[in-house]
Amino acid sequence: MSTDINALEKRIETLEAKNAFQDDVIEQLNQEISIHQASIAELKENMQLIANRLKDSSPSTILKPEEEPPPPHY
């Protein structure tokens, strides 16, 4: 009977140690995710700024069909 209790205590201690380790890993992963989310948000903002600057900086070199000059044979 005593050996059964000792075996159960060891199993519980092992489970508690694994649980503590998993909690630590989960917390580290949450911190990494937060860092990556902030980086992604900053990159999206920068991309939007670049896209806006490109739109504002130079007119498009592609003409609309009605603005195209007629072909040379006309």
PDB file of N, CA and C in Angstrom:
ATOM      1  N   MET A   1       0.820  -1.187   0.000  1.00  0.00           N
ATOM      2  CA  MET A   1       0.000   0.000   0.000  1.00  0.00           C
ATOM      3  C   MET A   1       0.862   1.248   0.000  1.00  0.00           C
ATOM      4  N   SER A   2       1.916   1.232   0.780  1.00  0.00           N
ATOM      5  CA  SER A   2       2.816   2.379   0.871  1.00  0.00           C
ATOM      6  C   SER A   2       3.518   2.638  -0.452  1.00  0.00           C
ATOM      7  N   THR A   3       3.846   1.569  -1.161  1.00  0.00           N
ATOM      8  CA  THR A   3       4.514   1.752  -2.457  1.00  0.00           C
ATOM      9  C   THR A   3       3.566   2.351  -3.480  1.00  0.00           C
ATOM     10  N   ASP A   4       2.277   2.000  -3.377  1.00  0.00           N
ATOM     11  CA  ASP A   4       1.286   2.586  -4.285  1.00  0.00           C
ATOM     12  C   ASP A   4       1.172   4.088  -4.064  1.00  0.00           C
ATOM     13  N   ILE A   5       1.167   4.501  -2.815  1.00  0.00           N
ATOM     14  CA  ILE A   5       1.066   5.927  -2.485  1.00  0.00           C
ATOM     15  C   ILE A   5       2.318   6.654  -2.963  1.00  0.00           C
ATOM     16  N   ASN A   6       3.472   6.053  -2.753  1.00  0.00           N
ATOM     17  CA  ASN A   6       4.721   6.666  -3.209  1.00  0.00           C
ATOM     18  C   ASN A   6       4.744   6.790  -4.732  1.00  0.00           C
ATOM     19  N   ALA A   7       4.273   5.769  -5.410  1.00  0.00           N
ATOM     20  CA  ALA A   7       4.239   5.804  -6.873  1.00  0.00           C
ATOM     21  C   ALA A   7       3.288   6.899  -7.347  1.00  0.00           C
ATOM     22  N   LEU A   8       2.139   7.000  -6.694  1.00  0.00           N
ATOM     23  CA  LEU A   8       1.181   8.047  -7.061  1.00  0.00           C
ATOM     24  C   LEU A   8       1.759   9.442  -6.795  1.00  0.00           C
ATOM     25  N   GLU A   9       2.449   9.604  -5.665  1.00  0.00           N
ATOM     26  CA  GLU A   9       3.060  10.893  -5.349  1.00  0.00           C
ATOM     27  C   GLU A   9       4.103  11.273  -6.403  1.00  0.00           C
ATOM     28  N   LYS A  10       4.896  10.313  -6.827  1.00  0.00           N
ATOM     29  CA  LYS A  10       5.899  10.588  -7.860  1.00  0.00           C
ATOM     30  C   LYS A  10       5.231  10.966  -9.181  1.00  0.00           C
ATOM     31  N   ARG A  11       4.164  10.269  -9.531  1.00  0.00           N
ATOM     32  CA  ARG A  11       3.444  10.593 -10.761  1.00  0.00           C
ATOM     33  C   ARG A  11       2.842  11.995 -10.691  1.00  0.00           C
ATOM     34  N   ILE A  12       2.300  12.342  -9.530  1.00  0.00           N
ATOM     35  CA  ILE A  12       1.721  13.681  -9.357  1.00  0.00           C
ATOM     36  C   ILE A  12       2.813  14.747  -9.458  1.00  0.00           C
ATOM     37  N   GLU A  13       3.949  14.489  -8.826  1.00  0.00           N
ATOM     38  CA  GLU A  13       5.067  15.441  -8.902  1.00  0.00           C
ATOM     39  C   GLU A  13       5.544  15.606 -10.345  1.00  0.00           C
ATOM     40  N   THR A  14       5.595  14.500 -11.071  1.00  0.00           N
ATOM     41  CA  THR A  14       6.002  14.568 -12.482  1.00  0.00           C
ATOM     42  C   THR A  14       5.004  15.391 -13.286  1.00  0.00           C
ATOM     43  N   LEU A  15       3.727  15.159 -13.059  1.00  0.00           N
ATOM     44  CA  LEU A  15       2.691  15.920 -13.759  1.00  0.00           C
ATOM     45  C   LEU A  15       2.754  17.403 -13.399  1.00  0.00           C
ATOM     46  N   GLU A  16       2.994  17.716 -12.144  1.00  0.00           N
ATOM     47  CA  GLU A  16       3.102  19.114 -11.717  1.00  0.00           C
ATOM     48  C   GLU A  16       4.301  19.785 -12.376  1.00  0.00           C
ATOM     49  N   ALA A  17       5.410  19.072 -12.478  1.00  0.00           N
ATOM     50  CA  ALA A  17       6.605  19.631 -13.114  1.00  0.00           C
ATOM     51  C   ALA A  17       6.345  19.878 -14.597  1.00  0.00           C
ATOM     52  N   LYS A  18       5.708  18.934 -15.257  1.00  0.00           N
ATOM     53  CA  LYS A  18       5.370  19.106 -16.677  1.00  0.00           C
ATOM     54  C   LYS A  18       4.422  20.281 -16.864  1.00  0.00           C
ATOM     55  N   ASN A  19       3.456  20.399 -15.967  1.00  0.00           N
ATOM     56  CA  ASN A  19       2.492  21.489 -16.047  1.00  0.00           C
ATOM     57  C   ASN A  19       3.185  22.840 -15.878  1.00  0.00           C
ATOM     58  N   ALA A  20       4.100  22.930 -14.927  1.00  0.00           N
ATOM     59  CA  ALA A  20       4.836  24.177 -14.707  1.00  0.00           C
ATOM     60  C   ALA A  20       5.677  24.517 -15.934  1.00  0.00           C
ATOM     61  N   PHE A  21       6.312  23.521 -16.522  1.00  0.00           N
ATOM     62  CA  PHE A  21       7.111  23.744 -17.722  1.00  0.00           C
ATOM     63  C   PHE A  21       6.229  24.220 -18.874  1.00  0.00           C
ATOM     64  N   GLN A  22       5.088  23.594 -19.045  1.00  0.00           N
ATOM     65  CA  GLN A  22       4.172  23.992 -20.123  1.00  0.00           C
ATOM     66  C   GLN A  22       3.654  25.411 -19.913  1.00  0.00           C
ATOM     67  N   ASP A  23       3.365  25.770 -18.678  1.00  0.00           N
ATOM     68  CA  ASP A  23       2.926  27.139 -18.389  1.00  0.00           C
ATOM     69  C   ASP A  23       3.996  28.149 -18.790  1.00  0.00           C
ATOM     70  N   ASP A  24       5.245  27.823 -18.492  1.00  0.00           N
ATOM     71  CA  ASP A  24       6.352  28.707 -18.849  1.00  0.00           C
ATOM     72  C   ASP A  24       6.482  28.836 -20.362  1.00  0.00           C
ATOM     73  N   VAL A  25       6.392  27.727 -21.063  1.00  0.00           N
ATOM     74  CA  VAL A  25       6.494  27.749 -22.522  1.00  0.00           C
ATOM     75  C   VAL A  25       5.336  28.541 -23.129  1.00  0.00           C
ATOM     76  N   ILE A  26       4.146  28.355 -22.620  1.00  0.00           N
ATOM     77  CA  ILE A  26       2.981  29.092 -23.123  1.00  0.00           C
ATOM     78  C   ILE A  26       3.175  30.592 -22.922  1.00  0.00           C
ATOM     79  N   GLU A  27       3.684  30.992 -21.781  1.00  0.00           N
ATOM     80  CA  GLU A  27       3.921  32.419 -21.523  1.00  0.00           C
ATOM     81  C   GLU A  27       4.966  32.974 -22.490  1.00  0.00           C
ATOM     82  N   GLN A  28       6.026  32.230 -22.746  1.00  0.00           N
ATOM     83  CA  GLN A  28       7.047  32.666 -23.703  1.00  0.00           C
ATOM     84  C   GLN A  28       6.457  32.801 -25.107  1.00  0.00           C
ATOM     85  N   LEU A  29       5.635  31.851 -25.498  1.00  0.00           N
ATOM     86  CA  LEU A  29       5.008  31.912 -26.817  1.00  0.00           C
ATOM     87  C   LEU A  29       4.048  33.096 -26.926  1.00  0.00           C
ATOM     88  N   ASN A  30       3.323  33.377 -25.868  1.00  0.00           N
ATOM     89  CA  ASN A  30       2.435  34.540 -25.875  1.00  0.00           C
ATOM     90  C   ASN A  30       3.224  35.839 -26.056  1.00  0.00           C
ATOM     91  N   GLN A  31       4.372  35.933 -25.392  1.00  0.00           N
ATOM     92  CA  GLN A  31       5.211  37.121 -25.551  1.00  0.00           C
ATOM     93  C   GLN A  31       5.714  37.235 -26.984  1.00  0.00           C
ATOM     94  N   GLU A  32       6.128  36.124 -27.568  1.00  0.00           N
ATOM     95  CA  GLU A  32       6.605  36.137 -28.952  1.00  0.00           C
ATOM     96  C   GLU A  32       5.490  36.546 -29.910  1.00  0.00           C
ATOM     97  N   ILE A  33       4.301  36.030 -29.690  1.00  0.00           N
ATOM     98  CA  ILE A  33       3.165  36.378 -30.545  1.00  0.00           C
ATOM     99  C   ILE A  33       2.872  37.866 -30.451  1.00  0.00           C
ATOM    100  N   SER A  34       2.931  38.416 -29.248  1.00  0.00           N
ATOM    101  CA  SER A  34       2.689  39.851 -29.075  1.00  0.00           C
ATOM    102  C   SER A  34       3.717  40.672 -29.839  1.00  0.00           C
ATOM    103  N   ILE A  35       4.971  40.267 -29.776  1.00  0.00           N
ATOM    104  CA  ILE A  35       6.034  40.968 -30.503  1.00  0.00           C
ATOM    105  C   ILE A  35       5.785  40.888 -32.000  1.00  0.00           C
ATOM    106  N   HIS A  36       5.438  39.723 -32.493  1.00  0.00           N
ATOM    107  CA  HIS A  36       5.197  39.539 -33.927  1.00  0.00           C
ATOM    108  C   HIS A  36       3.966  40.310 -34.395  1.00  0.00           C
ATOM    109  N   GLN A  37       2.933  40.337 -33.579  1.00  0.00           N
ATOM    110  CA  GLN A  37       1.742  41.094 -33.949  1.00  0.00           C
ATOM    111  C   GLN A  37       2.050  42.586 -34.060  1.00  0.00           C
ATOM    112  N   ALA A  38       2.860  43.097 -33.147  1.00  0.00           N
ATOM    113  CA  ALA A  38       3.240  44.506 -33.209  1.00  0.00           C
ATOM    114  C   ALA A  38       4.068  44.774 -34.465  1.00  0.00           C
ATOM    115  N   SER A  39       4.977  43.871 -34.799  1.00  0.00           N
ATOM    116  CA  SER A  39       5.794  44.029 -36.002  1.00  0.00           C
ATOM    117  C   SER A  39       4.939  43.998 -37.262  1.00  0.00           C
ATOM    118  N   ILE A  40       3.992  43.088 -37.300  1.00  0.00           N
ATOM    119  CA  ILE A  40       3.104  42.980 -38.469  1.00  0.00           C
ATOM    120  C   ILE A  40       2.266  44.246 -38.614  1.00  0.00           C
ATOM    121  N   ALA A  41       1.763  44.764 -37.504  1.00  0.00           N
ATOM    122  CA  ALA A  41       0.957  45.993 -37.558  1.00  0.00           C
ATOM    123  C   ALA A  41       1.803  47.154 -38.078  1.00  0.00           C
ATOM    124  N   GLU A  42       3.043  47.249 -37.617  1.00  0.00           N
ATOM    125  CA  GLU A  42       3.933  48.316 -38.084  1.00  0.00           C
ATOM    126  C   GLU A  42       4.238  48.158 -39.575  1.00  0.00           C
ATOM    127  N   LEU A  43       4.479  46.943 -40.015  1.00  0.00           N
ATOM    128  CA  LEU A  43       4.753  46.702 -41.433  1.00  0.00           C
ATOM    129  C   LEU A  43       3.543  47.049 -42.299  1.00  0.00           C
ATOM    130  N   LYS A  44       2.349  46.702 -41.831  1.00  0.00           N
ATOM    131  CA  LYS A  44       1.136  47.044 -42.578  1.00  0.00           C
ATOM    132  C   LYS A  44       0.991  48.557 -42.697  1.00  0.00           C
ATOM    133  N   GLU A  45       1.259  49.248 -41.609  1.00  0.00           N
ATOM    134  CA  GLU A  45       1.168  50.709 -41.621  1.00  0.00           C
ATOM    135  C   GLU A  45       2.188  51.301 -42.596  1.00  0.00           C
ATOM    136  N   ASN A  46       3.404  50.776 -42.572  1.00  0.00           N
ATOM    137  CA  ASN A  46       4.436  51.258 -43.493  1.00  0.00           C
ATOM    138  C   ASN A  46       4.063  50.976 -44.946  1.00  0.00           C
ATOM    139  N   MET A  47       3.503  49.823 -45.209  1.00  0.00           N
ATOM    140  CA  MET A  47       3.078  49.492 -46.569  1.00  0.00           C
ATOM    141  C   MET A  47       1.993  50.453 -47.044  1.00  0.00           C
ATOM    142  N   GLN A  48       1.067  50.777 -46.156  1.00  0.00           N
ATOM    143  CA  GLN A  48       0.003  51.707 -46.513  1.00  0.00           C
ATOM    144  C   GLN A  48       0.572  53.087 -46.808  1.00  0.00           C
ATOM    145  N   LEU A  49       1.533  53.529 -46.007  1.00  0.00           N
ATOM    146  CA  LEU A  49       2.170  54.825 -46.251  1.00  0.00           C
ATOM    147  C   LEU A  49       2.884  54.835 -47.599  1.00  0.00           C
ATOM    148  N   ILE A  50       3.589  53.760 -47.896  1.00  0.00           N
ATOM    149  CA  ILE A  50       4.301  53.673 -49.176  1.00  0.00           C
ATOM    150  C   ILE A  50       3.312  53.679 -50.335  1.00  0.00           C
ATOM    151  N   ALA A  51       2.242  52.927 -50.203  1.00  0.00           N
ATOM    152  CA  ALA A  51       1.231  52.887 -51.263  1.00  0.00           C
ATOM    153  C   ALA A  51       0.623  54.270 -51.477  1.00  0.00           C
ATOM    154  N   ASN A  52       0.331  54.973 -50.396  1.00  0.00           N
ATOM    155  CA  ASN A  52      -0.232  56.319 -50.514  1.00  0.00           C
ATOM    156  C   ASN A  52       0.756  57.281 -51.160  1.00  0.00           C
ATOM    157  N   ARG A  53       2.020  57.176 -50.792  1.00  0.00           N
ATOM    158  CA  ARG A  53       3.038  58.051 -51.393  1.00  0.00           C
ATOM    159  C   ARG A  53       3.179  57.783 -52.883  1.00  0.00           C
ATOM    160  N   LEU A  54       3.131  56.511 -53.258  1.00  0.00           N
ATOM    161  CA  LEU A  54       3.235  56.180 -54.677  1.00  0.00           C
ATOM    162  C   LEU A  54       2.048  56.730 -55.454  1.00  0.00           C
ATOM    163  N   LYS A  55       0.876  56.650 -54.894  1.00  0.00           N
ATOM    164  CA  LYS A  55      -0.310  57.178 -55.562  1.00  0.00           C
ATOM    165  C   LYS A  55      -0.215  58.685 -55.720  1.00  0.00           C
ATOM    166  N   ASP A  56       0.300  59.361 -54.698  1.00  0.00           N
ATOM    167  CA  ASP A  56       0.345  60.816 -54.702  1.00  0.00           C
ATOM    168  C   ASP A  56       1.534  61.391 -55.478  1.00  0.00           C
ATOM    169  N   SER A  57       2.606  60.636 -55.582  1.00  0.00           N
ATOM    170  CA  SER A  57       3.845  61.203 -56.109  1.00  0.00           C
ATOM    171  C   SER A  57       3.884  61.349 -57.623  1.00  0.00           C
ATOM    172  N   SER A  58       3.440  60.368 -58.347  1.00  0.00           N
ATOM    173  CA  SER A  58       3.552  60.468 -59.798  1.00  0.00           C
ATOM    174  C   SER A  58       2.264  60.006 -60.461  1.00  0.00           C
ATOM    175  N   PRO A  59       1.882  60.708 -61.514  1.00  0.00           N
ATOM    176  CA  PRO A  59       0.694  60.245 -62.232  1.00  0.00           C
ATOM    177  C   PRO A  59       0.989  58.936 -62.940  1.00  0.00           C
ATOM    178  N   SER A  60      -0.032  58.225 -63.177  1.00  0.00           N
ATOM    179  CA  SER A  60       0.121  56.933 -63.838  1.00  0.00           C
ATOM    180  C   SER A  60       0.600  57.119 -65.267  1.00  0.00           C
ATOM    181  N   THR A  61       1.505  56.272 -65.693  1.00  0.00           N
ATOM    182  CA  THR A  61       1.990  56.329 -67.079  1.00  0.00           C
ATOM    183  C   THR A  61       1.087  55.535 -68.011  1.00  0.00           C
ATOM    184  N   ILE A  62       0.158  54.826 -67.468  1.00  0.00           N
ATOM    185  CA  ILE A  62      -0.778  54.051 -68.286  1.00  0.00           C
ATOM    186  C   ILE A  62      -1.992  54.926 -68.571  1.00  0.00           C
ATOM    187  N   LEU A  63      -2.270  55.125 -69.844  1.00  0.00           N
ATOM    188  CA  LEU A  63      -3.402  55.954 -70.238  1.00  0.00           C
ATOM    189  C   LEU A  63      -4.682  55.133 -70.280  1.00  0.00           C
ATOM    190  N   LYS A  64      -5.776  55.818 -70.056  1.00  0.00           N
ATOM    191  CA  LYS A  64      -7.073  55.179 -70.189  1.00  0.00           C
ATOM    192  C   LYS A  64      -7.327  54.956 -71.675  1.00  0.00           C
ATOM    193  N   PRO A  65      -8.150  54.001 -72.036  1.00  0.00           N
ATOM    194  CA  PRO A  65      -8.382  53.725 -73.467  1.00  0.00           C
ATOM    195  C   PRO A  65      -8.831  54.962 -74.246  1.00  0.00           C
ATOM    196  N   GLU A  66      -9.656  55.823 -73.662  1.00  0.00           N
ATOM    197  CA  GLU A  66     -10.129  56.996 -74.393  1.00  0.00           C
ATOM    198  C   GLU A  66      -9.032  58.054 -74.534  1.00  0.00           C
ATOM    199  N   GLU A  67      -7.981  57.960 -73.728  1.00  0.00           N
ATOM    200  CA  GLU A  67      -6.878  58.915 -73.826  1.00  0.00           C
ATOM    201  C   GLU A  67      -5.762  58.443 -74.753  1.00  0.00           C
ATOM    202  N   GLU A  68      -5.803  57.193 -75.146  1.00  0.00           N
ATOM    203  CA  GLU A  68      -4.763  56.642 -76.017  1.00  0.00           C
ATOM    204  C   GLU A  68      -4.766  57.345 -77.377  1.00  0.00           C
ATOM    205  N   PRO A  69      -3.596  57.697 -77.892  1.00  0.00           N
ATOM    206  CA  PRO A  69      -3.557  58.271 -79.238  1.00  0.00           C
ATOM    207  C   PRO A  69      -3.890  57.184 -80.266  1.00  0.00           C
ATOM    208  N   PRO A  70      -4.408  57.555 -81.388  1.00  0.00           N
ATOM    209  CA  PRO A  70      -4.733  56.537 -82.386  1.00  0.00           C
ATOM    210  C   PRO A  70      -3.462  55.888 -82.912  1.00  0.00           C
ATOM    211  N   PRO A  71      -3.575  54.663 -83.404  1.00  0.00           N
ATOM    212  CA  PRO A  71      -2.402  53.990 -83.967  1.00  0.00           C
ATOM    213  C   PRO A  71      -1.859  54.789 -85.163  1.00  0.00           C
ATOM    214  N   PRO A  72      -0.591  54.623 -85.532  1.00  0.00           N
ATOM    215  CA  PRO A  72       0.031  55.421 -86.574  1.00  0.00           C
ATOM    216  C   PRO A  72      -0.609  55.262 -87.959  1.00  0.00           C
ATOM    217  N   HIS A  73      -1.258  54.195 -88.255  1.00  0.00           N
ATOM    218  CA  HIS A  73      -1.803  53.990 -89.604  1.00  0.00           C
ATOM    219  C   HIS A  73      -3.101  54.747 -89.835  1.00  0.00           C
ATOM    220  N   TYR A  74      -3.606  55.476 -88.858  1.00  0.00           N
ATOM    221  CA  TYR A  74      -4.837  56.257 -89.040  1.00  0.00           C
ATOM    222  C   TYR A  74      -4.517  57.648 -89.492  1.00  0.00           C
TER     223      TYR A  74
END
